[in-house]
Amino acid sequence: MSGKTLKRWVGRARQGQLATLGERRRPVTELEAELSRLKRELAEARVERDILQKATAYVAKAPRPGTR
């Protein structure tokens, strides 16, 4: 978090405006919530895929017992 953001929050808190932050935001629709959930799942699946790819490469390089 930048110092500028923190300074702005402290200033608004001192003026009594901190409680009103975010009131102008519109509520999240079902479609937006689902999109957000799917993006998180996709990111998690990509991380898992990358881990599996690295593990596969590691196992493929490991010497097998009984071979030269």
N, C-alpha and C. Protein backbone atom coordinates (compact mmCIF):
# COMPACT_ATOMS: atom_id res chain seq x y z
N MET A 1 0.85 -1.16 0.00
CA MET A 1 0.00 0.00 0.00
C MET A 1 0.90 1.22 0.00
N SER A 2 0.55 2.17 -0.79
CA SER A 2 1.38 3.37 -0.88
C SER A 2 1.12 4.30 0.30
N GLY A 3 2.10 5.12 0.59
CA GLY A 3 1.96 6.09 1.66
C GLY A 3 0.88 7.12 1.36
N LYS A 4 0.72 7.40 0.07
CA LYS A 4 -0.30 8.38 -0.34
C LYS A 4 -1.71 7.87 -0.01
N THR A 5 -1.95 6.60 -0.24
CA THR A 5 -3.25 6.00 0.07
C THR A 5 -3.51 6.04 1.56
N LEU A 6 -2.52 5.66 2.33
CA LEU A 6 -2.66 5.67 3.78
C LEU A 6 -2.93 7.09 4.29
N LYS A 7 -2.22 8.05 3.77
CA LYS A 7 -2.41 9.45 4.16
C LYS A 7 -3.83 9.92 3.86
N ARG A 8 -4.33 9.53 2.69
CA ARG A 8 -5.70 9.90 2.30
C ARG A 8 -6.72 9.27 3.26
N TRP A 9 -6.51 8.01 3.64
CA TRP A 9 -7.42 7.34 4.58
C TRP A 9 -7.41 8.02 5.94
N VAL A 10 -6.22 8.36 6.42
CA VAL A 10 -6.12 9.01 7.72
C VAL A 10 -6.82 10.37 7.66
N GLY A 11 -6.61 11.11 6.59
CA GLY A 11 -7.28 12.41 6.44
C GLY A 11 -8.79 12.28 6.43
N ARG A 12 -9.29 11.31 5.72
CA ARG A 12 -10.75 11.09 5.67
C ARG A 12 -11.29 10.62 7.01
N ALA A 13 -10.51 9.82 7.72
CA ALA A 13 -10.95 9.35 9.04
C ALA A 13 -11.06 10.53 10.00
N ARG A 14 -10.10 11.43 9.93
CA ARG A 14 -10.12 12.61 10.81
C ARG A 14 -11.29 13.53 10.48
N GLN A 15 -11.71 13.54 9.22
CA GLN A 15 -12.84 14.38 8.80
C GLN A 15 -14.18 13.67 8.98
N GLY A 16 -14.13 12.42 9.41
CA GLY A 16 -15.36 11.66 9.61
C GLY A 16 -15.96 11.13 8.33
N GLN A 17 -15.17 11.06 7.28
CA GLN A 17 -15.66 10.60 5.98
C GLN A 17 -15.30 9.15 5.69
N LEU A 18 -14.57 8.52 6.57
CA LEU A 18 -14.11 7.15 6.30
C LEU A 18 -15.27 6.17 6.24
N ALA A 19 -16.31 6.38 7.03
CA ALA A 19 -17.45 5.46 7.06
C ALA A 19 -18.23 5.50 5.76
N THR A 20 -18.11 6.57 5.00
CA THR A 20 -18.89 6.69 3.76
C THR A 20 -18.14 6.15 2.55
N LEU A 21 -16.91 5.70 2.74
CA LEU A 21 -16.16 5.15 1.61
C LEU A 21 -16.85 3.91 1.07
N GLY A 22 -16.97 3.81 -0.22
CA GLY A 22 -17.55 2.64 -0.85
C GLY A 22 -19.06 2.68 -0.96
N GLU A 23 -19.72 3.69 -0.43
CA GLU A 23 -21.18 3.76 -0.52
C GLU A 23 -21.63 4.00 -1.95
N ARG A 24 -20.79 4.62 -2.73
CA ARG A 24 -21.17 4.91 -4.12
C ARG A 24 -21.00 3.70 -5.03
N ARG A 25 -20.40 2.64 -4.49
CA ARG A 25 -20.22 1.43 -5.30
C ARG A 25 -21.55 0.75 -5.54
N ARG A 26 -21.70 0.21 -6.73
CA ARG A 26 -22.92 -0.53 -7.02
C ARG A 26 -22.75 -1.97 -6.55
N PRO A 27 -23.82 -2.64 -6.21
CA PRO A 27 -23.71 -4.03 -5.76
C PRO A 27 -23.22 -4.94 -6.89
N VAL A 28 -22.54 -5.98 -6.51
CA VAL A 28 -22.02 -6.95 -7.48
C VAL A 28 -23.17 -7.85 -7.94
N THR A 29 -23.29 -7.99 -9.25
CA THR A 29 -24.35 -8.85 -9.79
C THR A 29 -23.95 -10.31 -9.69
N GLU A 30 -24.91 -11.19 -9.86
CA GLU A 30 -24.62 -12.64 -9.82
C GLU A 30 -23.62 -13.02 -10.88
N LEU A 31 -23.77 -12.43 -12.06
CA LEU A 31 -22.89 -12.75 -13.18
C LEU A 31 -21.46 -12.31 -12.88
N GLU A 32 -21.30 -11.13 -12.26
CA GLU A 32 -19.96 -10.66 -11.90
C GLU A 32 -19.34 -11.54 -10.82
N ALA A 33 -20.15 -11.96 -9.87
CA ALA A 33 -19.65 -12.84 -8.81
C ALA A 33 -19.19 -14.17 -9.39
N GLU A 34 -19.98 -14.71 -10.33
CA GLU A 34 -19.60 -15.98 -10.96
C GLU A 34 -18.33 -15.82 -11.78
N LEU A 35 -18.22 -14.71 -12.50
CA LEU A 35 -17.01 -14.46 -13.29
C LEU A 35 -15.79 -14.39 -12.39
N SER A 36 -15.91 -13.72 -11.27
CA SER A 36 -14.81 -13.62 -10.32
C SER A 36 -14.42 -15.00 -9.78
N ARG A 37 -15.43 -15.80 -9.44
CA ARG A 37 -15.17 -17.16 -8.93
C ARG A 37 -14.48 -18.01 -9.98
N LEU A 38 -14.93 -17.91 -11.23
CA LEU A 38 -14.33 -18.71 -12.30
C LEU A 38 -12.89 -18.27 -12.59
N LYS A 39 -12.63 -16.98 -12.48
CA LYS A 39 -11.26 -16.50 -12.68
C LYS A 39 -10.33 -17.04 -11.60
N ARG A 40 -10.82 -17.07 -10.35
CA ARG A 40 -10.01 -17.64 -9.25
C ARG A 40 -9.75 -19.12 -9.50
N GLU A 41 -10.79 -19.85 -9.91
CA GLU A 41 -10.62 -21.29 -10.18
C GLU A 41 -9.63 -21.52 -11.31
N LEU A 42 -9.70 -20.69 -12.36
CA LEU A 42 -8.79 -20.84 -13.48
C LEU A 42 -7.35 -20.59 -13.04
N ALA A 43 -7.15 -19.57 -12.23
CA ALA A 43 -5.81 -19.27 -11.74
C ALA A 43 -5.27 -20.44 -10.91
N GLU A 44 -6.12 -21.02 -10.07
CA GLU A 44 -5.71 -22.17 -9.26
C GLU A 44 -5.39 -23.37 -10.14
N ALA A 45 -6.19 -23.61 -11.16
CA ALA A 45 -5.94 -24.73 -12.07
C ALA A 45 -4.63 -24.54 -12.83
N ARG A 46 -4.32 -23.31 -13.19
CA ARG A 46 -3.06 -23.04 -13.89
C ARG A 46 -1.86 -23.31 -12.98
N VAL A 47 -1.97 -22.93 -11.72
CA VAL A 47 -0.89 -23.19 -10.77
C VAL A 47 -0.70 -24.69 -10.62
N GLU A 48 -1.80 -25.43 -10.47
CA GLU A 48 -1.72 -26.88 -10.33
C GLU A 48 -1.10 -27.51 -11.57
N ARG A 49 -1.48 -27.02 -12.75
CA ARG A 49 -0.93 -27.54 -14.00
C ARG A 49 0.57 -27.32 -14.06
N ASP A 50 1.00 -26.12 -13.69
CA ASP A 50 2.43 -25.81 -13.71
C ASP A 50 3.21 -26.70 -12.75
N ILE A 51 2.66 -26.94 -11.57
CA ILE A 51 3.31 -27.82 -10.60
C ILE A 51 3.43 -29.23 -11.16
N LEU A 52 2.36 -29.72 -11.77
CA LEU A 52 2.39 -31.07 -12.34
C LEU A 52 3.38 -31.17 -13.49
N GLN A 53 3.49 -30.13 -14.31
CA GLN A 53 4.45 -30.14 -15.40
C GLN A 53 5.87 -30.21 -14.87
N LYS A 54 6.15 -29.44 -13.84
CA LYS A 54 7.49 -29.45 -13.25
C LYS A 54 7.79 -30.78 -12.60
N ALA A 55 6.79 -31.36 -11.93
CA ALA A 55 6.99 -32.66 -11.29
C ALA A 55 7.23 -33.74 -12.34
N THR A 56 6.51 -33.68 -13.43
CA THR A 56 6.68 -34.66 -14.51
C THR A 56 8.09 -34.55 -15.10
N ALA A 57 8.55 -33.34 -15.32
CA ALA A 57 9.89 -33.14 -15.87
C ALA A 57 10.95 -33.66 -14.89
N TYR A 58 10.76 -33.43 -13.60
CA TYR A 58 11.70 -33.90 -12.59
C TYR A 58 11.76 -35.42 -12.56
N VAL A 59 10.59 -36.05 -12.58
CA VAL A 59 10.54 -37.52 -12.53
C VAL A 59 11.13 -38.11 -13.81
N ALA A 60 10.91 -37.46 -14.94
CA ALA A 60 11.44 -37.97 -16.21
C ALA A 60 12.97 -37.91 -16.23
N LYS A 61 13.57 -36.96 -15.54
CA LYS A 61 15.02 -36.82 -15.52
C LYS A 61 15.68 -37.75 -14.50
N ALA A 62 14.96 -38.19 -13.50
CA ALA A 62 15.52 -39.02 -12.45
C ALA A 62 15.95 -40.37 -13.00
N PRO A 63 17.14 -40.84 -12.61
CA PRO A 63 17.58 -42.16 -13.09
C PRO A 63 16.74 -43.26 -12.46
N ARG A 64 16.43 -44.26 -13.27
CA ARG A 64 15.62 -45.38 -12.78
C ARG A 64 16.54 -46.47 -12.26
N PRO A 65 16.14 -47.11 -11.18
CA PRO A 65 16.98 -48.20 -10.65
C PRO A 65 17.12 -49.34 -11.66
N GLY A 66 18.29 -49.88 -11.75
CA GLY A 66 18.53 -50.99 -12.67
C GLY A 66 18.89 -50.55 -14.06
N THR A 67 18.99 -49.27 -14.32
CA THR A 67 19.39 -48.77 -15.64
C THR A 67 20.68 -47.96 -15.47
N ARG A 68 21.34 -47.73 -16.54
CA ARG A 68 22.58 -46.98 -16.48
C ARG A 68 22.38 -45.52 -16.53
